[in-house]
Amino acid sequence: MKVFVIVLHVIVSLILIGSILLQSGKSAGLSGSIAGGAETLMGKNKSKGYEALLSKITTVGAITFVVTSVVLVMLQ
């Protein structure tokens, strides 16, 4: 059981690292203050596409990471 949780923990850690590194920063492209106005003006929708998918993967990965961490502490 402990080995399975450790392997799952490592896999989730790698997925979490990859999904965070693939996301673009908030000030990617134009400078931070201009980008916010340009996105609002142009109606850029980040709720669709790979940005939303990476955000969901990061959320699920973070929750799974915390759960496996707690389980590993309880198993010790």
PDB file of N, CA and C in Angstrom:
ATOM      1  N   MET A   1       0.830  -1.200   0.000  1.00  0.00           N
ATOM      2  CA  MET A   1       0.000   0.000   0.000  1.00  0.00           C
ATOM      3  C   MET A   1       0.870   1.258   0.000  1.00  0.00           C
ATOM      4  N   LYS A   2       1.897   1.252   0.859  1.00  0.00           N
ATOM      5  CA  LYS A   2       2.757   2.423   0.964  1.00  0.00           C
ATOM      6  C   LYS A   2       3.522   2.665  -0.338  1.00  0.00           C
ATOM      7  N   VAL A   3       3.976   1.596  -0.967  1.00  0.00           N
ATOM      8  CA  VAL A   3       4.716   1.720  -2.222  1.00  0.00           C
ATOM      9  C   VAL A   3       3.810   2.301  -3.312  1.00  0.00           C
ATOM     10  N   PHE A   4       2.565   1.847  -3.366  1.00  0.00           N
ATOM     11  CA  PHE A   4       1.613   2.365  -4.348  1.00  0.00           C
ATOM     12  C   PHE A   4       1.388   3.861  -4.160  1.00  0.00           C
ATOM     13  N   VAL A   5       1.240   4.297  -2.915  1.00  0.00           N
ATOM     14  CA  VAL A   5       0.999   5.718  -2.641  1.00  0.00           C
ATOM     15  C   VAL A   5       2.245   6.539  -2.983  1.00  0.00           C
ATOM     16  N   ILE A   6       3.432   5.999  -2.727  1.00  0.00           N
ATOM     17  CA  ILE A   6       4.666   6.711  -3.057  1.00  0.00           C
ATOM     18  C   ILE A   6       4.799   6.865  -4.572  1.00  0.00           C
ATOM     19  N   VAL A   7       4.517   5.796  -5.315  1.00  0.00           N
ATOM     20  CA  VAL A   7       4.587   5.862  -6.780  1.00  0.00           C
ATOM     21  C   VAL A   7       3.565   6.855  -7.307  1.00  0.00           C
ATOM     22  N   LEU A   8       2.348   6.834  -6.785  1.00  0.00           N
ATOM     23  CA  LEU A   8       1.311   7.791  -7.190  1.00  0.00           C
ATOM     24  C   LEU A   8       1.734   9.215  -6.862  1.00  0.00           C
ATOM     25  N   HIS A   9       2.362   9.399  -5.714  1.00  0.00           N
ATOM     26  CA  HIS A   9       2.822  10.713  -5.279  1.00  0.00           C
ATOM     27  C   HIS A   9       3.886  11.264  -6.243  1.00  0.00           C
ATOM     28  N   VAL A  10       4.803  10.423  -6.656  1.00  0.00           N
ATOM     29  CA  VAL A  10       5.854  10.851  -7.582  1.00  0.00           C
ATOM     30  C   VAL A  10       5.257  11.195  -8.945  1.00  0.00           C
ATOM     31  N   ILE A  11       4.332  10.375  -9.433  1.00  0.00           N
ATOM     32  CA  ILE A  11       3.695  10.634 -10.726  1.00  0.00           C
ATOM     33  C   ILE A  11       2.915  11.946 -10.691  1.00  0.00           C
ATOM     34  N   VAL A  12       2.164  12.156  -9.623  1.00  0.00           N
ATOM     35  CA  VAL A  12       1.390  13.399  -9.485  1.00  0.00           C
ATOM     36  C   VAL A  12       2.335  14.595  -9.385  1.00  0.00           C
ATOM     37  N   SER A  13       3.459  14.429  -8.696  1.00  0.00           N
ATOM     38  CA  SER A  13       4.434  15.519  -8.600  1.00  0.00           C
ATOM     39  C   SER A  13       4.961  15.912  -9.970  1.00  0.00           C
ATOM     40  N   LEU A  14       5.299  14.933 -10.795  1.00  0.00           N
ATOM     41  CA  LEU A  14       5.811  15.219 -12.137  1.00  0.00           C
ATOM     42  C   LEU A  14       4.747  15.879 -13.019  1.00  0.00           C
ATOM     43  N   ILE A  15       3.508  15.401 -12.909  1.00  0.00           N
ATOM     44  CA  ILE A  15       2.407  16.009 -13.668  1.00  0.00           C
ATOM     45  C   ILE A  15       2.189  17.448 -13.223  1.00  0.00           C
ATOM     46  N   LEU A  16       2.254  17.678 -11.933  1.00  0.00           N
ATOM     47  CA  LEU A  16       2.061  19.024 -11.394  1.00  0.00           C
ATOM     48  C   LEU A  16       3.170  19.969 -11.855  1.00  0.00           C
ATOM     49  N   ILE A  17       4.414  19.504 -11.821  1.00  0.00           N
ATOM     50  CA  ILE A  17       5.531  20.325 -12.283  1.00  0.00           C
ATOM     51  C   ILE A  17       5.372  20.648 -13.766  1.00  0.00           C
ATOM     52  N   GLY A  18       5.042  19.649 -14.565  1.00  0.00           N
ATOM     53  CA  GLY A  18       4.874  19.867 -16.001  1.00  0.00           C
ATOM     54  C   GLY A  18       3.744  20.820 -16.325  1.00  0.00           C
ATOM     55  N   SER A  19       2.618  20.664 -15.644  1.00  0.00           N
ATOM     56  CA  SER A  19       1.476  21.533 -15.947  1.00  0.00           C
ATOM     57  C   SER A  19       1.733  22.977 -15.528  1.00  0.00           C
ATOM     58  N   ILE A  20       2.478  23.169 -14.457  1.00  0.00           N
ATOM     59  CA  ILE A  20       2.789  24.536 -14.030  1.00  0.00           C
ATOM     60  C   ILE A  20       3.788  25.181 -14.989  1.00  0.00           C
ATOM     61  N   LEU A  21       4.781  24.416 -15.425  1.00  0.00           N
ATOM     62  CA  LEU A  21       5.781  24.982 -16.327  1.00  0.00           C
ATOM     63  C   LEU A  21       5.223  25.279 -17.713  1.00  0.00           C
ATOM     64  N   LEU A  22       4.194  24.573 -18.136  1.00  0.00           N
ATOM     65  CA  LEU A  22       3.615  24.808 -19.457  1.00  0.00           C
ATOM     66  C   LEU A  22       2.677  26.012 -19.499  1.00  0.00           C
ATOM     67  N   GLN A  23       2.224  26.471 -18.337  1.00  0.00           N
ATOM     68  CA  GLN A  23       1.315  27.614 -18.310  1.00  0.00           C
ATOM     69  C   GLN A  23       2.075  28.900 -18.576  1.00  0.00           C
ATOM     70  N   SER A  24       1.411  29.822 -19.248  1.00  0.00           N
ATOM     71  CA  SER A  24       2.029  31.123 -19.494  1.00  0.00           C
ATOM     72  C   SER A  24       1.783  32.025 -18.295  1.00  0.00           C
ATOM     73  N   GLY A  25       2.687  32.963 -18.094  1.00  0.00           N
ATOM     74  CA  GLY A  25       2.555  33.900 -16.994  1.00  0.00           C
ATOM     75  C   GLY A  25       1.451  34.909 -17.243  1.00  0.00           C
ATOM     76  N   LYS A  26       1.103  35.649 -16.198  1.00  0.00           N
ATOM     77  CA  LYS A  26       0.041  36.639 -16.343  1.00  0.00           C
ATOM     78  C   LYS A  26       0.473  37.796 -17.231  1.00  0.00           C
ATOM     79  N   SER A  27       1.756  38.077 -17.289  1.00  0.00           N
ATOM     80  CA  SER A  27       2.220  39.197 -18.101  1.00  0.00           C
ATOM     81  C   SER A  27       2.914  38.713 -19.370  1.00  0.00           C
ATOM     82  N   ALA A  28       2.526  37.557 -19.877  1.00  0.00           N
ATOM     83  CA  ALA A  28       3.125  37.047 -21.111  1.00  0.00           C
ATOM     84  C   ALA A  28       2.643  37.889 -22.288  1.00  0.00           C
ATOM     85  N   GLY A  29       3.515  38.110 -23.221  1.00  0.00           N
ATOM     86  CA  GLY A  29       3.153  38.915 -24.386  1.00  0.00           C
ATOM     87  C   GLY A  29       3.434  40.378 -24.135  1.00  0.00           C
ATOM     88  N   LEU A  30       2.419  41.183 -24.040  1.00  0.00           N
ATOM     89  CA  LEU A  30       2.580  42.606 -23.750  1.00  0.00           C
ATOM     90  C   LEU A  30       2.939  42.780 -22.280  1.00  0.00           C
ATOM     91  N   SER A  31       3.294  43.980 -21.892  1.00  0.00           N
ATOM     92  CA  SER A  31       3.590  44.213 -20.479  1.00  0.00           C
ATOM     93  C   SER A  31       2.320  44.028 -19.653  1.00  0.00           C
ATOM     94  N   GLY A  32       2.487  43.830 -18.353  1.00  0.00           N
ATOM     95  CA  GLY A  32       1.366  43.469 -17.487  1.00  0.00           C
ATOM     96  C   GLY A  32       0.207  44.437 -17.502  1.00  0.00           C
ATOM     97  N   SER A  33       0.473  45.734 -17.428  1.00  0.00           N
ATOM     98  CA  SER A  33      -0.632  46.694 -17.378  1.00  0.00           C
ATOM     99  C   SER A  33      -1.322  46.835 -18.730  1.00  0.00           C
ATOM    100  N   ILE A  34      -0.568  46.763 -19.799  1.00  0.00           N
ATOM    101  CA  ILE A  34      -1.160  46.899 -21.130  1.00  0.00           C
ATOM    102  C   ILE A  34      -1.929  45.634 -21.501  1.00  0.00           C
ATOM    103  N   ALA A  35      -1.391  44.476 -21.096  1.00  0.00           N
ATOM    104  CA  ALA A  35      -2.016  43.207 -21.478  1.00  0.00           C
ATOM    105  C   ALA A  35      -3.419  43.078 -20.901  1.00  0.00           C
ATOM    106  N   GLY A  36      -3.611  43.509 -19.660  1.00  0.00           N
ATOM    107  CA  GLY A  36      -4.935  43.416 -19.066  1.00  0.00           C
ATOM    108  C   GLY A  36      -5.963  44.221 -19.831  1.00  0.00           C
ATOM    109  N   GLY A  37      -5.590  45.442 -20.202  1.00  0.00           N
ATOM    110  CA  GLY A  37      -6.501  46.281 -20.974  1.00  0.00           C
ATOM    111  C   GLY A  37      -6.734  45.746 -22.373  1.00  0.00           C
ATOM    112  N   ALA A  38      -5.684  45.233 -22.991  1.00  0.00           N
ATOM    113  CA  ALA A  38      -5.819  44.700 -24.346  1.00  0.00           C
ATOM    114  C   ALA A  38      -6.694  43.455 -24.360  1.00  0.00           C
ATOM    115  N   GLU A  39      -6.550  42.618 -23.347  1.00  0.00           N
ATOM    116  CA  GLU A  39      -7.372  41.407 -23.306  1.00  0.00           C
ATOM    117  C   GLU A  39      -8.837  41.754 -23.083  1.00  0.00           C
ATOM    118  N   THR A  40      -9.099  42.767 -22.265  1.00  0.00           N
ATOM    119  CA  THR A  40     -10.475  43.179 -22.037  1.00  0.00           C
ATOM    120  C   THR A  40     -11.045  43.827 -23.297  1.00  0.00           C
ATOM    121  N   LEU A  41     -10.243  44.659 -23.946  1.00  0.00           N
ATOM    122  CA  LEU A  41     -10.698  45.367 -25.142  1.00  0.00           C
ATOM    123  C   LEU A  41     -10.925  44.413 -26.303  1.00  0.00           C
ATOM    124  N   MET A  42     -10.009  43.504 -26.504  1.00  0.00           N
ATOM    125  CA  MET A  42     -10.104  42.582 -27.636  1.00  0.00           C
ATOM    126  C   MET A  42     -11.010  41.389 -27.344  1.00  0.00           C
ATOM    127  N   GLY A  43     -11.401  41.221 -26.096  1.00  0.00           N
ATOM    128  CA  GLY A  43     -12.290  40.115 -25.761  1.00  0.00           C
ATOM    129  C   GLY A  43     -11.605  38.766 -25.807  1.00  0.00           C
ATOM    130  N   LYS A  44     -10.330  38.733 -25.447  1.00  0.00           N
ATOM    131  CA  LYS A  44      -9.591  37.467 -25.466  1.00  0.00           C
ATOM    132  C   LYS A  44     -10.175  36.547 -24.400  1.00  0.00           C
ATOM    133  N   ASN A  45     -10.554  35.355 -24.801  1.00  0.00           N
ATOM    134  CA  ASN A  45     -11.205  34.416 -23.897  1.00  0.00           C
ATOM    135  C   ASN A  45     -10.246  33.279 -23.589  1.00  0.00           C
ATOM    136  N   LYS A  46      -9.718  33.267 -22.359  1.00  0.00           N
ATOM    137  CA  LYS A  46      -8.796  32.208 -21.976  1.00  0.00           C
ATOM    138  C   LYS A  46      -9.523  31.025 -21.340  1.00  0.00           C
ATOM    139  N   SER A  47     -10.844  31.069 -21.286  1.00  0.00           N
ATOM    140  CA  SER A  47     -11.576  29.971 -20.668  1.00  0.00           C
ATOM    141  C   SER A  47     -11.641  28.755 -21.577  1.00  0.00           C
ATOM    142  N   LYS A  48     -11.261  28.931 -22.843  1.00  0.00           N
ATOM    143  CA  LYS A  48     -11.263  27.822 -23.784  1.00  0.00           C
ATOM    144  C   LYS A  48      -9.831  27.487 -24.154  1.00  0.00           C
ATOM    145  N   GLY A  49      -9.610  26.283 -24.576  1.00  0.00           N
ATOM    146  CA  GLY A  49      -8.301  25.923 -25.080  1.00  0.00           C
ATOM    147  C   GLY A  49      -7.420  25.261 -24.042  1.00  0.00           C
ATOM    148  N   TYR A  50      -6.136  25.269 -24.347  1.00  0.00           N
ATOM    149  CA  TYR A  50      -5.200  24.534 -23.514  1.00  0.00           C
ATOM    150  C   TYR A  50      -4.941  25.218 -22.178  1.00  0.00           C
ATOM    151  N   GLU A  51      -5.152  26.537 -22.089  1.00  0.00           N
ATOM    152  CA  GLU A  51      -4.959  27.241 -20.822  1.00  0.00           C
ATOM    153  C   GLU A  51      -5.931  26.722 -19.762  1.00  0.00           C
ATOM    154  N   ALA A  52      -7.180  26.528 -20.156  1.00  0.00           N
ATOM    155  CA  ALA A  52      -8.177  26.017 -19.216  1.00  0.00           C
ATOM    156  C   ALA A  52      -7.873  24.569 -18.846  1.00  0.00           C
ATOM    157  N   LEU A  53      -7.430  23.786 -19.821  1.00  0.00           N
ATOM    158  CA  LEU A  53      -7.081  22.398 -19.552  1.00  0.00           C
ATOM    159  C   LEU A  53      -5.904  22.304 -18.580  1.00  0.00           C
ATOM    160  N   LEU A  54      -4.882  23.129 -18.791  1.00  0.00           N
ATOM    161  CA  LEU A  54      -3.736  23.125 -17.890  1.00  0.00           C
ATOM    162  C   LEU A  54      -4.123  23.595 -16.494  1.00  0.00           C
ATOM    163  N   SER A  55      -5.031  24.533 -16.425  1.00  0.00           N
ATOM    164  CA  SER A  55      -5.500  25.009 -15.122  1.00  0.00           C
ATOM    165  C   SER A  55      -6.234  23.910 -14.360  1.00  0.00           C
ATOM    166  N   LYS A  56      -7.073  23.157 -15.066  1.00  0.00           N
ATOM    167  CA  LYS A  56      -7.797  22.059 -14.424  1.00  0.00           C
ATOM    168  C   LYS A  56      -6.853  20.938 -14.006  1.00  0.00           C
ATOM    169  N   ILE A  57      -5.860  20.639 -14.855  1.00  0.00           N
ATOM    170  CA  ILE A  57      -4.879  19.608 -14.510  1.00  0.00           C
ATOM    171  C   ILE A  57      -4.086  20.029 -13.273  1.00  0.00           C
ATOM    172  N   THR A  58      -3.737  21.302 -13.196  1.00  0.00           N
ATOM    173  CA  THR A  58      -3.001  21.803 -12.038  1.00  0.00           C
ATOM    174  C   THR A  58      -3.835  21.705 -10.766  1.00  0.00           C
ATOM    175  N   THR A  59      -5.111  22.047 -10.859  1.00  0.00           N
ATOM    176  CA  THR A  59      -5.987  21.975  -9.693  1.00  0.00           C
ATOM    177  C   THR A  59      -6.145  20.547  -9.198  1.00  0.00           C
ATOM    178  N   VAL A  60      -6.425  19.634 -10.115  1.00  0.00           N
ATOM    179  CA  VAL A  60      -6.593  18.230  -9.732  1.00  0.00           C
ATOM    180  C   VAL A  60      -5.271  17.660  -9.203  1.00  0.00           C
ATOM    181  N   GLY A  61      -4.161  18.029  -9.842  1.00  0.00           N
ATOM    182  CA  GLY A  61      -2.859  17.563  -9.391  1.00  0.00           C
ATOM    183  C   GLY A  61      -2.522  18.059  -7.999  1.00  0.00           C
ATOM    184  N   ALA A  62      -2.837  19.319  -7.707  1.00  0.00           N
ATOM    185  CA  ALA A  62      -2.555  19.879  -6.384  1.00  0.00           C
ATOM    186  C   ALA A  62      -3.386  19.193  -5.303  1.00  0.00           C
ATOM    187  N   ILE A  63      -4.650  18.955  -5.589  1.00  0.00           N
ATOM    188  CA  ILE A  63      -5.508  18.267  -4.611  1.00  0.00           C
ATOM    189  C   ILE A  63      -5.019  16.844  -4.373  1.00  0.00           C
ATOM    190  N   THR A  64      -4.667  16.143  -5.447  1.00  0.00           N
ATOM    191  CA  THR A  64      -4.166  14.776  -5.324  1.00  0.00           C
ATOM    192  C   THR A  64      -2.836  14.753  -4.579  1.00  0.00           C
ATOM    193  N   PHE A  65      -1.982  15.746  -4.827  1.00  0.00           N
ATOM    194  CA  PHE A  65      -0.694  15.832  -4.137  1.00  0.00           C
ATOM    195  C   PHE A  65      -0.881  15.988  -2.637  1.00  0.00           C
ATOM    196  N   VAL A  66      -1.808  16.850  -2.237  1.00  0.00           N
ATOM    197  CA  VAL A  66      -2.064  17.068  -0.815  1.00  0.00           C
ATOM    198  C   VAL A  66      -2.635  15.796  -0.174  1.00  0.00           C
ATOM    199  N   VAL A  67      -3.553  15.141  -0.873  1.00  0.00           N
ATOM    200  CA  VAL A  67      -4.169  13.927  -0.331  1.00  0.00           C
ATOM    201  C   VAL A  67      -3.122  12.819  -0.175  1.00  0.00           C
ATOM    202  N   THR A  68      -2.278  12.626  -1.189  1.00  0.00           N
ATOM    203  CA  THR A  68      -1.252  11.582  -1.077  1.00  0.00           C
ATOM    204  C   THR A  68      -0.215  11.939  -0.010  1.00  0.00           C
ATOM    205  N   SER A  69       0.056  13.217   0.177  1.00  0.00           N
ATOM    206  CA  SER A  69       0.973  13.628   1.253  1.00  0.00           C
ATOM    207  C   SER A  69       0.404  13.271   2.616  1.00  0.00           C
ATOM    208  N   VAL A  70      -0.871  13.553   2.811  1.00  0.00           N
ATOM    209  CA  VAL A  70      -1.514  13.241   4.096  1.00  0.00           C
ATOM    210  C   VAL A  70      -1.553  11.725   4.304  1.00  0.00           C
ATOM    211  N   VAL A  71      -1.853  10.972   3.269  1.00  0.00           N
ATOM    212  CA  VAL A  71      -1.897   9.511   3.383  1.00  0.00           C
ATOM    213  C   VAL A  71      -0.520   8.962   3.728  1.00  0.00           C
ATOM    214  N   LEU A  72       0.532   9.505   3.115  1.00  0.00           N
ATOM    215  CA  LEU A  72       1.882   9.046   3.416  1.00  0.00           C
ATOM    216  C   LEU A  72       2.267   9.338   4.856  1.00  0.00           C
ATOM    217  N   VAL A  73       1.852  10.497   5.380  1.00  0.00           N
ATOM    218  CA  VAL A  73       2.123  10.804   6.790  1.00  0.00           C
ATOM    219  C   VAL A  73       1.382   9.851   7.692  1.00  0.00           C
ATOM    220  N   MET A  74       0.147   9.514   7.340  1.00  0.00           N
ATOM    221  CA  MET A  74      -0.645   8.603   8.162  1.00  0.00           C
ATOM    222  C   MET A  74      -0.087   7.176   8.115  1.00  0.00           C
ATOM    223  N   LEU A  75       0.516   6.789   7.020  1.00  0.00           N
ATOM    224  CA  LEU A  75       1.068   5.439   6.895  1.00  0.00           C
ATOM    225  C   LEU A  75       2.386   5.258   7.640  1.00  0.00           C
ATOM    226  N   GLN A  76       3.046   6.353   8.000  1.00  0.00           N
ATOM    227  CA  GLN A  76       4.318   6.219   8.701  1.00  0.00           C
ATOM    228  C   GLN A  76       4.148   5.906  10.142  1.00  0.00           C
TER     229      GLN A  76
END
